[in-house]
Amino acid sequence: DWNGYWCVPGAALRPGDTEETAKARLAKEYGVPIRSLERAGDAGFGWFKPGDQGRGPGISFIFDTTLDGEPALNERQRWFNVKDLPQPTVPLHISHIIPMAVRAFDERHGW
């Protein structure tokens, strides 16, 4: 839906998915196993760009994730400091998802 934009990593839940099947897809995308997922919160919003019908409204389950190794990097996958995000980044990720994840991380790790 946001072709050409950077976004936070994630997986859409498909019919019949469980947390484990989504976790397995993410591990495949990251190129390393996922050690832990801790729920950071939920963010409900429309997935579509203004003027586009896209997938319609949805909900994002946000997790503080610990990987068991270094994630894969390629032309489609990069990691950025939350204080230095690339442009363009999906606006709702900047305004909702990333701040929620940072707050949860800070609270869990005492920062």
C-alpha atoms as a PDB file:
ATOM      1  CA  ASP A   1       0.000   0.000   0.000  1.00  0.00           C
ATOM      2  CA  TRP A   2       2.926   2.366   0.632  1.00  0.00           C
ATOM      3  CA  ASN A   3       5.144   1.475  -2.311  1.00  0.00           C
ATOM      4  CA  GLY A   4       8.438   3.371  -2.107  1.00  0.00           C
ATOM      5  CA  TYR A   5       8.055   4.194   1.602  1.00  0.00           C
ATOM      6  CA  TRP A   6      10.099   2.770   4.452  1.00  0.00           C
ATOM      7  CA  CYS A   7       8.092   1.024   7.157  1.00  0.00           C
ATOM      8  CA  VAL A   8       8.619  -0.799  10.397  1.00  0.00           C
ATOM      9  CA  PRO A   9       9.070  -4.560  10.000  1.00  0.00           C
ATOM     10  CA  GLY A  10       5.986  -6.657  10.470  1.00  0.00           C
ATOM     11  CA  ALA A  11       3.632  -9.287   9.185  1.00  0.00           C
ATOM     12  CA  ALA A  12      -0.059  -9.147   8.420  1.00  0.00           C
ATOM     13  CA  LEU A  13      -2.131 -11.827  10.078  1.00  0.00           C
ATOM     14  CA  ARG A  14      -3.776 -13.972   7.433  1.00  0.00           C
ATOM     15  CA  PRO A  15      -6.921 -16.082   7.883  1.00  0.00           C
ATOM     16  CA  GLY A  16      -5.986 -19.079  10.015  1.00  0.00           C
ATOM     17  CA  ASP A  17      -2.728 -17.531  11.247  1.00  0.00           C
ATOM     18  CA  THR A  18      -1.572 -17.846  14.797  1.00  0.00           C
ATOM     19  CA  GLU A  19       1.056 -15.755  16.534  1.00  0.00           C
ATOM     20  CA  GLU A  20       3.515 -18.588  15.778  1.00  0.00           C
ATOM     21  CA  THR A  21       2.888 -18.610  12.003  1.00  0.00           C
ATOM     22  CA  ALA A  22       3.311 -14.833  11.829  1.00  0.00           C
ATOM     23  CA  LYS A  23       6.441 -15.116  13.996  1.00  0.00           C
ATOM     24  CA  ALA A  24       7.860 -17.772  11.632  1.00  0.00           C
ATOM     25  CA  ARG A  25       7.313 -15.463   8.608  1.00  0.00           C
ATOM     26  CA  LEU A  26       9.053 -12.626  10.422  1.00  0.00           C
ATOM     27  CA  ALA A  27      11.984 -14.858  11.359  1.00  0.00           C
ATOM     28  CA  LYS A  28      12.318 -15.851   7.704  1.00  0.00           C
ATOM     29  CA  GLU A  29      12.255 -12.173   6.668  1.00  0.00           C
ATOM     30  CA  TYR A  30      14.817 -11.216   9.340  1.00  0.00           C
ATOM     31  CA  GLY A  31      17.033 -14.176   8.467  1.00  0.00           C
ATOM     32  CA  VAL A  32      17.428 -15.122  12.151  1.00  0.00           C
ATOM     33  CA  PRO A  33      15.190 -16.718  14.782  1.00  0.00           C
ATOM     34  CA  ILE A  34      13.095 -14.526  17.051  1.00  0.00           C
ATOM     35  CA  ARG A  35      14.083 -15.031  20.684  1.00  0.00           C
ATOM     36  CA  SER A  36      11.197 -13.133  22.255  1.00  0.00           C
ATOM     37  CA  LEU A  37       8.173 -10.975  21.532  1.00  0.00           C
ATOM     38  CA  GLU A  38       6.813  -8.710  24.268  1.00  0.00           C
ATOM     39  CA  ARG A  39       3.566  -6.868  23.576  1.00  0.00           C
ATOM     40  CA  ALA A  40       4.143  -3.108  23.518  1.00  0.00           C
ATOM     41  CA  GLY A  41       0.609  -2.065  22.602  1.00  0.00           C
ATOM     42  CA  ASP A  42      -1.874  -1.809  19.775  1.00  0.00           C
ATOM     43  CA  ALA A  43      -2.495   0.933  17.226  1.00  0.00           C
ATOM     44  CA  GLY A  44      -5.667   1.040  15.176  1.00  0.00           C
ATOM     45  CA  PHE A  45      -5.667   3.072  11.991  1.00  0.00           C
ATOM     46  CA  GLY A  46      -6.432   2.965   8.288  1.00  0.00           C
ATOM     47  CA  TRP A  47      -3.798   1.207   6.213  1.00  0.00           C
ATOM     48  CA  PHE A  48      -4.444   3.253   3.139  1.00  0.00           C
ATOM     49  CA  LYS A  49      -2.943   6.472   1.824  1.00  0.00           C
ATOM     50  CA  PRO A  50      -5.337   9.433   1.576  1.00  0.00           C
ATOM     51  CA  GLY A  51      -7.534   8.990  -1.505  1.00  0.00           C
ATOM     52  CA  ASP A  52      -6.722   5.264  -1.833  1.00  0.00           C
ATOM     53  CA  GLN A  53      -8.997   2.478  -0.621  1.00  0.00           C
ATOM     54  CA  GLY A  54      -6.118   0.087   0.133  1.00  0.00           C
ATOM     55  CA  ARG A  55      -6.875  -2.649   2.626  1.00  0.00           C
ATOM     56  CA  GLY A  56      -9.135  -0.533   4.771  1.00  0.00           C
ATOM     57  CA  PRO A  57      -8.950  -0.081   8.533  1.00  0.00           C
ATOM     58  CA  GLY A  58      -6.816  -2.410  10.553  1.00  0.00           C
ATOM     59  CA  ILE A  59      -5.015  -2.828  13.839  1.00  0.00           C
ATOM     60  CA  SER A  60      -1.321  -3.203  14.487  1.00  0.00           C
ATOM     61  CA  PHE A  61      -0.152  -5.352  17.376  1.00  0.00           C
ATOM     62  CA  ILE A  62       3.161  -3.816  18.382  1.00  0.00           C
ATOM     63  CA  PHE A  63       5.905  -5.937  19.931  1.00  0.00           C
ATOM     64  CA  ASP A  64       9.319  -5.303  21.446  1.00  0.00           C
ATOM     65  CA  THR A  65      11.238  -8.034  19.627  1.00  0.00           C
ATOM     66  CA  THR A  66      14.561  -9.644  20.499  1.00  0.00           C
ATOM     67  CA  LEU A  67      16.310 -11.429  17.643  1.00  0.00           C
ATOM     68  CA  ASP A  68      18.686 -14.345  18.053  1.00  0.00           C
ATOM     69  CA  GLY A  69      21.444 -12.831  15.902  1.00  0.00           C
ATOM     70  CA  GLU A  70      21.962 -10.010  13.444  1.00  0.00           C
ATOM     71  CA  PRO A  71      19.118  -9.452  10.955  1.00  0.00           C
ATOM     72  CA  ALA A  72      19.592  -9.739   7.221  1.00  0.00           C
ATOM     73  CA  LEU A  73      20.322  -6.570   5.268  1.00  0.00           C
ATOM     74  CA  ASN A  74      19.631  -6.053   1.571  1.00  0.00           C
ATOM     75  CA  GLU A  75      18.261  -3.403  -0.786  1.00  0.00           C
ATOM     76  CA  ARG A  76      14.791  -3.746   0.760  1.00  0.00           C
ATOM     77  CA  GLN A  77      15.774  -4.191   4.410  1.00  0.00           C
ATOM     78  CA  ARG A  78      17.737  -1.726   6.503  1.00  0.00           C
ATOM     79  CA  TRP A  79      17.742  -0.716  10.143  1.00  0.00           C
ATOM     80  CA  PHE A  80      17.633   2.920  11.221  1.00  0.00           C
ATOM     81  CA  ASN A  81      17.966   4.857  14.443  1.00  0.00           C
ATOM     82  CA  VAL A  82      14.496   6.112  15.434  1.00  0.00           C
ATOM     83  CA  LYS A  83      15.982   9.621  15.642  1.00  0.00           C
ATOM     84  CA  ASP A  84      17.212   9.429  12.042  1.00  0.00           C
ATOM     85  CA  LEU A  85      14.480   7.786   9.943  1.00  0.00           C
ATOM     86  CA  PRO A  86      14.778   7.755   6.154  1.00  0.00           C
ATOM     87  CA  GLN A  87      12.394   9.631   3.911  1.00  0.00           C
ATOM     88  CA  PRO A  88       9.801   8.785   3.013  1.00  0.00           C
ATOM     89  CA  THR A  89       8.690   6.686   5.987  1.00  0.00           C
ATOM     90  CA  VAL A  90       5.026   5.694   6.398  1.00  0.00           C
ATOM     91  CA  PRO A  91       3.536   8.668   8.323  1.00  0.00           C
ATOM     92  CA  LEU A  92       1.433   6.574  10.716  1.00  0.00           C
ATOM     93  CA  HIS A  93       4.503   4.536  11.649  1.00  0.00           C
ATOM     94  CA  ILE A  94       6.267   7.784  12.601  1.00  0.00           C
ATOM     95  CA  SER A  95       3.303   9.216  14.520  1.00  0.00           C
ATOM     96  CA  HIS A  96       1.961   6.078  16.276  1.00  0.00           C
ATOM     97  CA  ILE A  97       3.856   2.814  16.010  1.00  0.00           C
ATOM     98  CA  ILE A  98       7.460   3.913  16.520  1.00  0.00           C
ATOM     99  CA  PRO A  99       6.722   6.190  19.531  1.00  0.00           C
ATOM    100  CA  MET A 100       4.695   3.395  21.184  1.00  0.00           C
ATOM    101  CA  ALA A 101       7.492   0.885  20.633  1.00  0.00           C
ATOM    102  CA  VAL A 102      10.136   3.309  21.947  1.00  0.00           C
ATOM    103  CA  ARG A 103       8.090   4.015  25.113  1.00  0.00           C
ATOM    104  CA  ALA A 104       7.640   0.281  25.769  1.00  0.00           C
ATOM    105  CA  PHE A 105      11.337  -0.382  25.179  1.00  0.00           C
ATOM    106  CA  ASP A 106      12.337   2.460  27.522  1.00  0.00           C
ATOM    107  CA  GLU A 107       9.969   1.223  30.243  1.00  0.00           C
ATOM    108  CA  ARG A 108      11.155  -2.392  29.980  1.00  0.00           C
ATOM    109  CA  HIS A 109      14.837  -1.508  29.971  1.00  0.00           C
ATOM    110  CA  GLY A 110      14.725   1.356  32.461  1.00  0.00           C
ATOM    111  CA  TRP A 111      15.953   4.075  30.096  1.00  0.00           C
END
